[in-house]
Amino acid sequence: MSDEAPGEVPSVMGPGRLEAFSDGVIAVIITIMAFELKTPAAANLHALAHELPLLLVYVLSFTFVAIYWVNHHHLLRVIKRIDAAVMWANLYLLFWLSLIPFVTSWVGTQHGRPLPAACYGVVGIGAGSAYNLLGFAIHRANPRNVAIVRATHHDIKGMFSILAYTASIPLAFVSPYIAYACFAAVAIAWFVPDRRLSVGGEPAP
């Protein structure tokens, strides 16, 4: 049954179109990150070790983007209505995700410096806050959707992520590797999709 009340203006866009657009942008983001990878200059372990930091931060960033893509999919599959606020909130999320290739390349080439690690944390805060804002906008557009109400309340993992990213910024100036540990902890916490989203009372796969 639709969430729209009688006489209400229909959605300006369907969830399927919004998801398809987001999927395309996320695919481009991953492609840009992959293009930044460079093969070792020689066929030996020393040359491989020289490129290893960029490869590792690529794996971390790929994991982050994949987590957002999976949870974004689960979030959109249970909604009926999209309005302008949801569209702008979604674009705001994609803006922050589009900065991930930039900070990934910077950290990969300057992994021992604090400022690139701190900026990675800033992008993490921006993306995490934007995802929460998208959830809020979707909730407002679908106020009677039980799955959305469940997903936008008591978001412990979301709060943990913001706190970890926030802590990583000053900690990066103590040691960038402490900041990287914070990022890894967030990735581990979000590796399993948000089980609060459900369709028909069953957990989303």
N, C-alpha and C. Protein backbone atom coordinates (compact mmCIF):
# COMPACT_ATOMS: atom_id res chain seq x y z
N MET A 1 0.85 -1.19 0.00
CA MET A 1 0.00 0.00 0.00
C MET A 1 0.89 1.24 0.00
N SER A 2 0.54 2.24 -0.74
CA SER A 2 1.36 3.44 -0.86
C SER A 2 1.32 4.25 0.43
N ASP A 3 2.45 4.95 0.69
CA ASP A 3 2.53 5.84 1.86
C ASP A 3 1.90 7.19 1.57
N GLU A 4 1.50 7.45 0.34
CA GLU A 4 0.97 8.76 0.00
C GLU A 4 -0.50 8.87 0.43
N ALA A 5 -0.82 9.96 1.07
CA ALA A 5 -2.18 10.21 1.52
C ALA A 5 -3.03 10.63 0.33
N PRO A 6 -4.38 10.45 0.41
CA PRO A 6 -5.26 10.87 -0.68
C PRO A 6 -5.06 12.34 -0.99
N GLY A 7 -4.93 12.67 -2.28
CA GLY A 7 -4.76 14.05 -2.69
C GLY A 7 -3.34 14.55 -2.58
N GLU A 8 -2.40 13.72 -2.10
CA GLU A 8 -1.02 14.14 -1.95
C GLU A 8 -0.33 14.13 -3.30
N VAL A 9 0.61 15.07 -3.51
CA VAL A 9 1.35 15.13 -4.76
C VAL A 9 2.21 13.88 -4.89
N PRO A 10 2.19 13.19 -6.04
CA PRO A 10 2.97 11.98 -6.20
C PRO A 10 4.47 12.23 -6.09
N SER A 11 5.23 11.16 -5.91
CA SER A 11 6.67 11.26 -5.83
C SER A 11 7.23 11.89 -7.09
N VAL A 12 8.28 12.71 -6.94
CA VAL A 12 8.90 13.32 -8.11
C VAL A 12 9.82 12.34 -8.82
N MET A 13 10.20 11.26 -8.16
CA MET A 13 11.05 10.25 -8.76
C MET A 13 10.83 8.93 -8.04
N GLY A 14 10.90 7.83 -8.78
CA GLY A 14 10.77 6.54 -8.15
C GLY A 14 12.06 6.09 -7.51
N PRO A 15 11.98 5.24 -6.49
CA PRO A 15 13.19 4.73 -5.83
C PRO A 15 14.13 4.02 -6.79
N GLY A 16 13.57 3.32 -7.79
CA GLY A 16 14.41 2.59 -8.73
C GLY A 16 15.31 3.51 -9.53
N ARG A 17 14.78 4.64 -9.97
CA ARG A 17 15.59 5.58 -10.75
C ARG A 17 16.68 6.20 -9.88
N LEU A 18 16.33 6.56 -8.64
CA LEU A 18 17.32 7.14 -7.73
C LEU A 18 18.43 6.14 -7.44
N GLU A 19 18.06 4.88 -7.24
CA GLU A 19 19.06 3.85 -6.97
C GLU A 19 19.95 3.61 -8.18
N ALA A 20 19.37 3.61 -9.38
CA ALA A 20 20.16 3.40 -10.60
C ALA A 20 21.17 4.53 -10.79
N PHE A 21 20.74 5.77 -10.55
CA PHE A 21 21.66 6.91 -10.66
C PHE A 21 22.79 6.77 -9.64
N SER A 22 22.44 6.44 -8.40
CA SER A 22 23.44 6.30 -7.34
C SER A 22 24.41 5.17 -7.66
N ASP A 23 23.89 4.06 -8.18
CA ASP A 23 24.75 2.94 -8.55
C ASP A 23 25.78 3.37 -9.60
N GLY A 24 25.34 4.17 -10.56
CA GLY A 24 26.26 4.64 -11.59
C GLY A 24 27.36 5.51 -11.03
N VAL A 25 27.00 6.42 -10.13
CA VAL A 25 28.00 7.30 -9.52
C VAL A 25 28.98 6.48 -8.69
N ILE A 26 28.47 5.55 -7.91
CA ILE A 26 29.34 4.73 -7.07
C ILE A 26 30.27 3.88 -7.93
N ALA A 27 29.78 3.38 -9.05
CA ALA A 27 30.63 2.61 -9.96
C ALA A 27 31.77 3.47 -10.50
N VAL A 28 31.49 4.73 -10.82
CA VAL A 28 32.52 5.64 -11.30
C VAL A 28 33.55 5.91 -10.20
N ILE A 29 33.08 6.07 -8.96
CA ILE A 29 33.97 6.31 -7.83
C ILE A 29 34.96 5.16 -7.68
N ILE A 30 34.45 3.93 -7.74
CA ILE A 30 35.32 2.76 -7.62
C ILE A 30 36.30 2.70 -8.79
N THR A 31 35.84 3.04 -9.99
CA THR A 31 36.70 3.01 -11.17
C THR A 31 37.84 4.01 -11.04
N ILE A 32 37.52 5.22 -10.55
CA ILE A 32 38.56 6.23 -10.35
C ILE A 32 39.60 5.75 -9.36
N MET A 33 39.16 5.13 -8.27
CA MET A 33 40.11 4.61 -7.29
C MET A 33 41.00 3.54 -7.91
N ALA A 34 40.41 2.67 -8.72
CA ALA A 34 41.18 1.59 -9.35
C ALA A 34 42.22 2.16 -10.31
N PHE A 35 41.87 3.23 -11.02
CA PHE A 35 42.81 3.84 -11.96
C PHE A 35 44.03 4.44 -11.24
N GLU A 36 43.87 4.77 -9.96
CA GLU A 36 44.98 5.34 -9.20
C GLU A 36 46.01 4.28 -8.82
N LEU A 37 45.63 3.02 -8.88
CA LEU A 37 46.58 1.95 -8.54
C LEU A 37 47.66 1.86 -9.61
N LYS A 38 48.89 1.64 -9.17
CA LYS A 38 50.01 1.52 -10.09
C LYS A 38 50.70 0.19 -9.89
N THR A 39 51.11 -0.41 -10.98
CA THR A 39 51.84 -1.67 -10.87
C THR A 39 53.25 -1.39 -10.36
N PRO A 40 53.85 -2.34 -9.64
CA PRO A 40 55.24 -2.15 -9.16
C PRO A 40 56.18 -1.89 -10.32
N ALA A 41 57.21 -1.09 -10.07
CA ALA A 41 58.17 -0.73 -11.12
C ALA A 41 59.05 -1.89 -11.52
N ALA A 42 59.14 -2.90 -10.66
CA ALA A 42 59.97 -4.07 -10.96
C ALA A 42 59.29 -5.31 -10.40
N ALA A 43 59.79 -6.47 -10.82
CA ALA A 43 59.19 -7.73 -10.38
C ALA A 43 59.92 -8.28 -9.17
N ASN A 44 59.88 -7.49 -8.06
CA ASN A 44 60.50 -7.95 -6.82
C ASN A 44 59.71 -7.41 -5.64
N LEU A 45 59.99 -7.96 -4.46
CA LEU A 45 59.24 -7.59 -3.26
C LEU A 45 59.47 -6.14 -2.86
N HIS A 46 60.65 -5.62 -3.11
CA HIS A 46 60.91 -4.22 -2.76
C HIS A 46 59.99 -3.28 -3.54
N ALA A 47 59.84 -3.54 -4.83
CA ALA A 47 58.95 -2.71 -5.66
C ALA A 47 57.50 -2.87 -5.23
N LEU A 48 57.13 -4.10 -4.88
CA LEU A 48 55.76 -4.33 -4.40
C LEU A 48 55.51 -3.60 -3.09
N ALA A 49 56.48 -3.63 -2.18
CA ALA A 49 56.34 -2.95 -0.88
C ALA A 49 56.17 -1.45 -1.06
N HIS A 50 56.78 -0.90 -2.11
CA HIS A 50 56.67 0.55 -2.36
C HIS A 50 55.23 0.95 -2.71
N GLU A 51 54.51 0.05 -3.37
CA GLU A 51 53.13 0.33 -3.77
C GLU A 51 52.10 -0.20 -2.77
N LEU A 52 52.58 -0.92 -1.74
CA LEU A 52 51.67 -1.57 -0.81
C LEU A 52 50.77 -0.59 -0.04
N PRO A 53 51.28 0.56 0.46
CA PRO A 53 50.40 1.49 1.19
C PRO A 53 49.19 1.93 0.37
N LEU A 54 49.41 2.26 -0.90
CA LEU A 54 48.29 2.68 -1.75
C LEU A 54 47.31 1.53 -1.96
N LEU A 55 47.85 0.32 -2.10
CA LEU A 55 46.98 -0.84 -2.29
C LEU A 55 46.13 -1.09 -1.04
N LEU A 56 46.74 -0.94 0.13
CA LEU A 56 46.00 -1.19 1.37
C LEU A 56 44.91 -0.14 1.59
N VAL A 57 45.23 1.12 1.34
CA VAL A 57 44.20 2.15 1.54
C VAL A 57 43.12 2.03 0.47
N TYR A 58 43.47 1.52 -0.71
CA TYR A 58 42.47 1.24 -1.73
C TYR A 58 41.50 0.17 -1.23
N VAL A 59 42.03 -0.88 -0.62
CA VAL A 59 41.18 -1.95 -0.08
C VAL A 59 40.24 -1.37 0.98
N LEU A 60 40.77 -0.50 1.86
CA LEU A 60 39.94 0.12 2.91
C LEU A 60 38.85 0.99 2.28
N SER A 61 39.23 1.81 1.31
CA SER A 61 38.26 2.71 0.69
C SER A 61 37.23 1.93 -0.12
N PHE A 62 37.68 0.89 -0.83
CA PHE A 62 36.74 0.05 -1.57
C PHE A 62 35.72 -0.56 -0.61
N THR A 63 36.21 -1.00 0.56
CA THR A 63 35.30 -1.57 1.56
C THR A 63 34.28 -0.55 2.02
N PHE A 64 34.73 0.70 2.26
CA PHE A 64 33.80 1.75 2.67
C PHE A 64 32.73 2.00 1.61
N VAL A 65 33.16 2.15 0.37
CA VAL A 65 32.21 2.42 -0.71
C VAL A 65 31.24 1.25 -0.86
N ALA A 66 31.77 0.03 -0.76
CA ALA A 66 30.91 -1.15 -0.87
C ALA A 66 29.88 -1.20 0.25
N ILE A 67 30.29 -0.85 1.45
CA ILE A 67 29.37 -0.84 2.59
C ILE A 67 28.25 0.18 2.36
N TYR A 68 28.62 1.38 1.89
CA TYR A 68 27.60 2.39 1.61
C TYR A 68 26.66 1.90 0.51
N TRP A 69 27.20 1.27 -0.52
CA TRP A 69 26.37 0.78 -1.62
C TRP A 69 25.38 -0.28 -1.14
N VAL A 70 25.86 -1.24 -0.34
CA VAL A 70 24.99 -2.31 0.17
C VAL A 70 23.89 -1.74 1.05
N ASN A 71 24.25 -0.88 2.00
CA ASN A 71 23.25 -0.34 2.92
C ASN A 71 22.32 0.65 2.22
N HIS A 72 22.85 1.38 1.23
CA HIS A 72 22.02 2.28 0.43
C HIS A 72 20.96 1.47 -0.33
N HIS A 73 21.37 0.33 -0.86
CA HIS A 73 20.43 -0.56 -1.56
C HIS A 73 19.33 -1.04 -0.62
N HIS A 74 19.72 -1.50 0.58
CA HIS A 74 18.74 -1.99 1.54
C HIS A 74 17.80 -0.86 1.99
N LEU A 75 18.33 0.36 2.07
CA LEU A 75 17.51 1.49 2.50
C LEU A 75 16.46 1.83 1.44
N LEU A 76 16.87 1.84 0.17
CA LEU A 76 15.95 2.25 -0.88
C LEU A 76 14.93 1.17 -1.25
N ARG A 77 15.27 -0.08 -1.01
CA ARG A 77 14.36 -1.15 -1.46
C ARG A 77 13.08 -1.22 -0.64
N VAL A 78 13.04 -0.59 0.53
CA VAL A 78 11.86 -0.70 1.38
C VAL A 78 11.00 0.56 1.36
N ILE A 79 11.33 1.53 0.48
CA ILE A 79 10.56 2.77 0.49
C ILE A 79 9.63 2.83 -0.72
N LYS A 80 8.59 3.63 -0.59
CA LYS A 80 7.60 3.81 -1.65
C LYS A 80 7.70 5.20 -2.28
N ARG A 81 8.13 6.18 -1.49
CA ARG A 81 8.02 7.57 -1.93
C ARG A 81 9.37 8.28 -1.86
N ILE A 82 9.67 9.03 -2.91
CA ILE A 82 10.86 9.87 -2.99
C ILE A 82 10.40 11.31 -3.21
N ASP A 83 10.93 12.26 -2.44
CA ASP A 83 10.61 13.66 -2.69
C ASP A 83 11.90 14.43 -2.93
N ALA A 84 11.78 15.74 -3.11
CA ALA A 84 12.94 16.56 -3.43
C ALA A 84 13.99 16.53 -2.32
N ALA A 85 13.54 16.49 -1.06
CA ALA A 85 14.49 16.45 0.06
C ALA A 85 15.32 15.17 0.02
N VAL A 86 14.69 14.06 -0.33
CA VAL A 86 15.43 12.80 -0.43
C VAL A 86 16.43 12.87 -1.58
N MET A 87 16.04 13.47 -2.69
CA MET A 87 16.95 13.58 -3.84
C MET A 87 18.18 14.41 -3.49
N TRP A 88 17.97 15.55 -2.82
CA TRP A 88 19.11 16.40 -2.45
C TRP A 88 19.98 15.74 -1.38
N ALA A 89 19.35 15.05 -0.44
CA ALA A 89 20.12 14.34 0.58
C ALA A 89 20.96 13.24 -0.05
N ASN A 90 20.41 12.58 -1.05
CA ASN A 90 21.15 11.53 -1.74
C ASN A 90 22.33 12.12 -2.51
N LEU A 91 22.12 13.25 -3.16
CA LEU A 91 23.21 13.92 -3.85
C LEU A 91 24.29 14.38 -2.88
N TYR A 92 23.89 14.82 -1.70
CA TYR A 92 24.85 15.23 -0.68
C TYR A 92 25.71 14.05 -0.25
N LEU A 93 25.10 12.88 -0.10
CA LEU A 93 25.86 11.67 0.22
C LEU A 93 26.84 11.34 -0.91
N LEU A 94 26.37 11.40 -2.16
CA LEU A 94 27.24 11.09 -3.28
C LEU A 94 28.40 12.08 -3.39
N PHE A 95 28.16 13.33 -3.01
CA PHE A 95 29.25 14.32 -3.01
C PHE A 95 30.39 13.86 -2.10
N TRP A 96 30.05 13.47 -0.88
CA TRP A 96 31.08 13.05 0.07
C TRP A 96 31.75 11.76 -0.39
N LEU A 97 30.97 10.84 -0.95
CA LEU A 97 31.58 9.61 -1.46
C LEU A 97 32.52 9.89 -2.62
N SER A 98 32.20 10.92 -3.42
CA SER A 98 33.05 11.24 -4.56
C SER A 98 34.41 11.78 -4.14
N LEU A 99 34.54 12.20 -2.88
CA LEU A 99 35.83 12.68 -2.38
C LEU A 99 36.73 11.54 -1.92
N ILE A 100 36.18 10.34 -1.80
CA ILE A 100 36.98 9.20 -1.32
C ILE A 100 38.17 8.90 -2.22
N PRO A 101 38.03 8.91 -3.57
CA PRO A 101 39.23 8.68 -4.40
C PRO A 101 40.34 9.69 -4.14
N PHE A 102 39.99 10.95 -3.88
CA PHE A 102 40.99 11.98 -3.62
C PHE A 102 41.78 11.68 -2.35
N VAL A 103 41.07 11.43 -1.25
CA VAL A 103 41.79 11.17 0.00
C VAL A 103 42.48 9.81 -0.02
N THR A 104 41.93 8.87 -0.78
CA THR A 104 42.58 7.56 -0.92
C THR A 104 43.95 7.70 -1.57
N SER A 105 44.00 8.46 -2.66
CA SER A 105 45.27 8.68 -3.34
C SER A 105 46.25 9.44 -2.46
N TRP A 106 45.75 10.44 -1.73
CA TRP A 106 46.63 11.26 -0.88
C TRP A 106 47.20 10.43 0.25
N VAL A 107 46.36 9.66 0.93
CA VAL A 107 46.84 8.82 2.02
C VAL A 107 47.78 7.75 1.48
N GLY A 108 47.47 7.20 0.32
CA GLY A 108 48.30 6.14 -0.24
C GLY A 108 49.71 6.59 -0.55
N THR A 109 49.86 7.85 -0.95
CA THR A 109 51.20 8.36 -1.28
C THR A 109 51.87 9.07 -0.11
N GLN A 110 51.07 9.44 0.91
CA GLN A 110 51.62 10.15 2.08
C GLN A 110 51.11 9.50 3.37
N HIS A 111 51.21 8.17 3.44
CA HIS A 111 50.57 7.45 4.55
C HIS A 111 51.19 7.73 5.90
N GLY A 112 52.40 8.24 5.93
CA GLY A 112 53.03 8.53 7.22
C GLY A 112 52.80 9.93 7.72
N ARG A 113 52.04 10.72 6.99
CA ARG A 113 51.78 12.13 7.35
C ARG A 113 50.42 12.27 8.00
N PRO A 114 50.29 13.16 8.98
CA PRO A 114 49.02 13.26 9.72
C PRO A 114 47.88 13.93 8.95
N LEU A 115 48.20 14.97 8.14
CA LEU A 115 47.13 15.73 7.50
C LEU A 115 46.30 14.89 6.53
N PRO A 116 46.90 14.08 5.66
CA PRO A 116 46.06 13.24 4.79
C PRO A 116 45.16 12.29 5.58
N ALA A 117 45.68 11.71 6.66
CA ALA A 117 44.87 10.81 7.49
C ALA A 117 43.72 11.57 8.14
N ALA A 118 43.99 12.80 8.60
CA ALA A 118 42.94 13.61 9.22
C ALA A 118 41.86 13.97 8.18
N CYS A 119 42.28 14.28 6.96
CA CYS A 119 41.31 14.61 5.91
C CYS A 119 40.47 13.40 5.54
N TYR A 120 41.07 12.22 5.59
CA TYR A 120 40.31 10.99 5.36
C TYR A 120 39.20 10.88 6.42
N GLY A 121 39.53 11.23 7.66
CA GLY A 121 38.54 11.23 8.73
C GLY A 121 37.44 12.25 8.50
N VAL A 122 37.79 13.43 7.97
CA VAL A 122 36.80 14.46 7.68
C VAL A 122 35.81 13.96 6.62
N VAL A 123 36.34 13.31 5.58
CA VAL A 123 35.46 12.75 4.55
C VAL A 123 34.58 11.66 5.15
N GLY A 124 35.14 10.88 6.07
CA GLY A 124 34.35 9.86 6.74
C GLY A 124 33.19 10.46 7.53
N ILE A 125 33.46 11.55 8.25
CA ILE A 125 32.40 12.23 8.99
C ILE A 125 31.34 12.76 8.03
N GLY A 126 31.81 13.37 6.94
CA GLY A 126 30.86 13.92 5.97
C GLY A 126 29.96 12.86 5.36
N ALA A 127 30.55 11.74 4.97
CA ALA A 127 29.76 10.66 4.37
C ALA A 127 28.81 10.04 5.38
N GLY A 128 29.30 9.80 6.60
CA GLY A 128 28.45 9.22 7.63
C GLY A 128 27.29 10.12 8.00
N SER A 129 27.56 11.42 8.13
CA SER A 129 26.50 12.38 8.45
C SER A 129 25.50 12.48 7.30
N ALA A 130 26.02 12.43 6.07
CA ALA A 130 25.14 12.52 4.90
C ALA A 130 24.23 11.30 4.82
N TYR A 131 24.75 10.12 5.16
CA TYR A 131 23.91 8.92 5.14
C TYR A 131 22.81 9.03 6.20
N ASN A 132 23.16 9.55 7.38
CA ASN A 132 22.14 9.76 8.41
C ASN A 132 21.09 10.77 7.95
N LEU A 133 21.54 11.83 7.27
CA LEU A 133 20.61 12.83 6.75
C LEU A 133 19.68 12.22 5.71
N LEU A 134 20.22 11.35 4.87
CA LEU A 134 19.39 10.67 3.88
C LEU A 134 18.33 9.81 4.56
N GLY A 135 18.72 9.09 5.60
CA GLY A 135 17.75 8.29 6.35
C GLY A 135 16.65 9.14 6.96
N PHE A 136 17.02 10.32 7.48
CA PHE A 136 16.03 11.23 8.06
C PHE A 136 15.07 11.74 6.98
N ALA A 137 15.62 12.10 5.80
CA ALA A 137 14.77 12.60 4.72
C ALA A 137 13.83 11.52 4.22
N ILE A 138 14.32 10.30 4.12
CA ILE A 138 13.48 9.18 3.69
C ILE A 138 12.38 8.91 4.71
N HIS A 139 12.73 9.01 5.99
CA HIS A 139 11.73 8.82 7.05
C HIS A 139 10.62 9.86 6.94
N ARG A 140 10.99 11.12 6.69
CA ARG A 140 9.99 12.18 6.56
C ARG A 140 9.10 11.95 5.35
N ALA A 141 9.66 11.41 4.27
CA ALA A 141 8.88 11.16 3.06
C ALA A 141 8.01 9.90 3.18
N ASN A 142 8.39 9.00 4.10
CA ASN A 142 7.66 7.73 4.28
C ASN A 142 7.38 7.52 5.77
N PRO A 143 6.59 8.40 6.40
CA PRO A 143 6.43 8.37 7.86
C PRO A 143 5.75 7.12 8.39
N ARG A 144 4.99 6.42 7.55
CA ARG A 144 4.27 5.24 8.03
C ARG A 144 4.96 3.93 7.65
N ASN A 145 6.17 4.03 7.11
CA ASN A 145 6.92 2.85 6.73
C ASN A 145 7.65 2.30 7.96
N VAL A 146 7.21 1.16 8.45
CA VAL A 146 7.74 0.60 9.70
C VAL A 146 9.23 0.29 9.58
N ALA A 147 9.65 -0.23 8.43
CA ALA A 147 11.06 -0.59 8.25
C ALA A 147 11.95 0.64 8.31
N ILE A 148 11.51 1.76 7.73
CA ILE A 148 12.30 2.99 7.76
C ILE A 148 12.35 3.55 9.17
N VAL A 149 11.22 3.53 9.87
CA VAL A 149 11.20 4.00 11.26
C VAL A 149 12.18 3.20 12.10
N ARG A 150 12.20 1.88 11.90
CA ARG A 150 13.11 1.02 12.65
C ARG A 150 14.56 1.34 12.31
N ALA A 151 14.82 1.62 11.03
CA ALA A 151 16.19 1.84 10.58
C ALA A 151 16.76 3.18 11.02
N THR A 152 15.90 4.18 11.24
CA THR A 152 16.38 5.52 11.55
C THR A 152 16.36 5.81 13.05
N HIS A 153 16.05 4.83 13.87
CA HIS A 153 16.06 5.02 15.31
C HIS A 153 17.09 4.09 15.94
N HIS A 154 17.72 4.57 17.02
CA HIS A 154 18.69 3.78 17.78
C HIS A 154 19.80 3.27 16.86
N ASP A 155 20.38 4.18 16.08
CA ASP A 155 21.44 3.83 15.13
C ASP A 155 22.77 3.81 15.86
N ILE A 156 23.04 2.72 16.56
CA ILE A 156 24.25 2.61 17.36
C ILE A 156 25.49 2.60 16.48
N LYS A 157 25.45 1.85 15.39
CA LYS A 157 26.61 1.79 14.49
C LYS A 157 26.88 3.14 13.85
N GLY A 158 25.82 3.86 13.51
CA GLY A 158 26.00 5.18 12.93
C GLY A 158 26.66 6.14 13.90
N MET A 159 26.22 6.12 15.15
CA MET A 159 26.81 6.99 16.17
C MET A 159 28.26 6.60 16.42
N PHE A 160 28.53 5.29 16.47
CA PHE A 160 29.91 4.82 16.66
C PHE A 160 30.80 5.30 15.53
N SER A 161 30.29 5.24 14.30
CA SER A 161 31.09 5.66 13.14
C SER A 161 31.47 7.12 13.24
N ILE A 162 30.48 7.98 13.54
CA ILE A 162 30.76 9.41 13.64
C ILE A 162 31.77 9.69 14.76
N LEU A 163 31.61 9.02 15.89
CA LEU A 163 32.54 9.21 16.99
C LEU A 163 33.96 8.76 16.61
N ALA A 164 34.04 7.60 15.93
CA ALA A 164 35.35 7.09 15.53
C ALA A 164 36.02 8.02 14.53
N TYR A 165 35.27 8.50 13.55
CA TYR A 165 35.83 9.43 12.58
C TYR A 165 36.26 10.73 13.24
N THR A 166 35.43 11.23 14.16
CA THR A 166 35.76 12.46 14.86
C THR A 166 37.04 12.29 15.67
N ALA A 167 37.16 11.17 16.37
CA ALA A 167 38.36 10.90 17.17
C ALA A 167 39.59 10.74 16.30
N SER A 168 39.40 10.22 15.09
CA SER A 168 40.55 9.96 14.22
C SER A 168 41.26 11.24 13.79
N ILE A 169 40.55 12.35 13.76
CA ILE A 169 41.15 13.60 13.27
C ILE A 169 42.26 14.09 14.20
N PRO A 170 41.99 14.30 15.50
CA PRO A 170 43.11 14.69 16.38
C PRO A 170 44.12 13.57 16.57
N LEU A 171 43.64 12.32 16.58
CA LEU A 171 44.56 11.19 16.77
C LEU A 171 45.53 11.05 15.60
N ALA A 172 45.13 11.50 14.42
CA ALA A 172 46.03 11.44 13.27
C ALA A 172 47.29 12.25 13.49
N PHE A 173 47.20 13.30 14.31
CA PHE A 173 48.36 14.14 14.58
C PHE A 173 49.21 13.55 15.70
N VAL A 174 48.69 12.56 16.40
CA VAL A 174 49.50 11.78 17.33
C VAL A 174 50.24 10.71 16.55
N SER A 175 49.48 9.95 15.77
CA SER A 175 50.03 8.95 14.85
C SER A 175 48.99 8.65 13.78
N PRO A 176 49.33 8.77 12.51
CA PRO A 176 48.36 8.45 11.46
C PRO A 176 47.86 7.01 11.57
N TYR A 177 48.67 6.14 12.12
CA TYR A 177 48.30 4.73 12.16
C TYR A 177 47.19 4.48 13.20
N ILE A 178 47.08 5.35 14.20
CA ILE A 178 45.95 5.26 15.12
C ILE A 178 44.66 5.62 14.39
N ALA A 179 44.75 6.64 13.54
CA ALA A 179 43.59 7.03 12.74
C ALA A 179 43.18 5.89 11.81
N TYR A 180 44.16 5.22 11.21
CA TYR A 180 43.84 4.11 10.32
C TYR A 180 43.14 2.97 11.09
N ALA A 181 43.55 2.78 12.34
CA ALA A 181 42.90 1.76 13.17
C ALA A 181 41.43 2.14 13.42
N CYS A 182 41.16 3.44 13.60
CA CYS A 182 39.77 3.90 13.76
C CYS A 182 38.96 3.61 12.51
N PHE A 183 39.55 3.86 11.34
CA PHE A 183 38.84 3.61 10.08
C PHE A 183 38.55 2.12 9.92
N ALA A 184 39.52 1.31 10.26
CA ALA A 184 39.33 -0.15 10.14
C ALA A 184 38.22 -0.62 11.08
N ALA A 185 38.15 -0.03 12.29
CA ALA A 185 37.11 -0.42 13.25
C ALA A 185 35.73 -0.09 12.71
N VAL A 186 35.61 1.06 12.04
CA VAL A 186 34.32 1.44 11.44
C VAL A 186 33.94 0.45 10.34
N ALA A 187 34.91 0.10 9.51
CA ALA A 187 34.63 -0.84 8.42
C ALA A 187 34.16 -2.19 8.96
N ILE A 188 34.80 -2.65 10.02
CA ILE A 188 34.41 -3.94 10.61
C ILE A 188 33.00 -3.86 11.17
N ALA A 189 32.67 -2.72 11.83
CA ALA A 189 31.35 -2.57 12.44
C ALA A 189 30.24 -2.58 11.39
N TRP A 190 30.53 -2.06 10.20
CA TRP A 190 29.51 -1.95 9.16
C TRP A 190 29.56 -3.07 8.13
N PHE A 191 30.44 -4.05 8.33
CA PHE A 191 30.61 -5.07 7.31
C PHE A 191 29.31 -5.85 7.08
N VAL A 192 28.54 -6.07 8.14
CA VAL A 192 27.25 -6.73 8.02
C VAL A 192 26.20 -5.67 7.71
N PRO A 193 25.37 -5.83 6.67
CA PRO A 193 24.34 -4.84 6.34
C PRO A 193 23.40 -4.59 7.51
N ASP A 194 22.74 -3.44 7.49
CA ASP A 194 21.86 -3.02 8.58
C ASP A 194 20.67 -3.97 8.68
N ARG A 195 20.65 -4.80 9.71
CA ARG A 195 19.60 -5.80 9.87
C ARG A 195 18.27 -5.22 10.35
N ARG A 196 18.27 -3.92 10.67
CA ARG A 196 17.01 -3.32 11.09
C ARG A 196 16.07 -3.11 9.91
N LEU A 197 16.63 -3.06 8.70
CA LEU A 197 15.77 -2.90 7.52
C LEU A 197 15.11 -4.22 7.20
N SER A 198 13.82 -4.21 7.04
CA SER A 198 13.10 -5.46 6.75
C SER A 198 11.96 -5.18 5.80
N VAL A 199 11.55 -6.23 5.13
CA VAL A 199 10.41 -6.17 4.23
C VAL A 199 9.42 -7.21 4.69
N GLY A 200 8.22 -6.77 5.02
CA GLY A 200 7.21 -7.72 5.46
C GLY A 200 7.56 -8.40 6.76
N GLY A 201 8.37 -7.72 7.59
CA GLY A 201 8.71 -8.28 8.89
C GLY A 201 9.91 -9.18 8.87
N GLU A 202 10.45 -9.50 7.67
CA GLU A 202 11.61 -10.36 7.58
C GLU A 202 12.85 -9.52 7.37
N PRO A 203 13.97 -9.91 7.99
CA PRO A 203 15.21 -9.14 7.81
C PRO A 203 15.61 -9.09 6.36
N ALA A 204 16.13 -7.95 5.96
CA ALA A 204 16.63 -7.81 4.58
C ALA A 204 17.87 -8.67 4.42
N PRO A 205 18.04 -9.34 3.27
CA PRO A 205 19.20 -10.20 3.08
C PRO A 205 20.48 -9.40 2.94
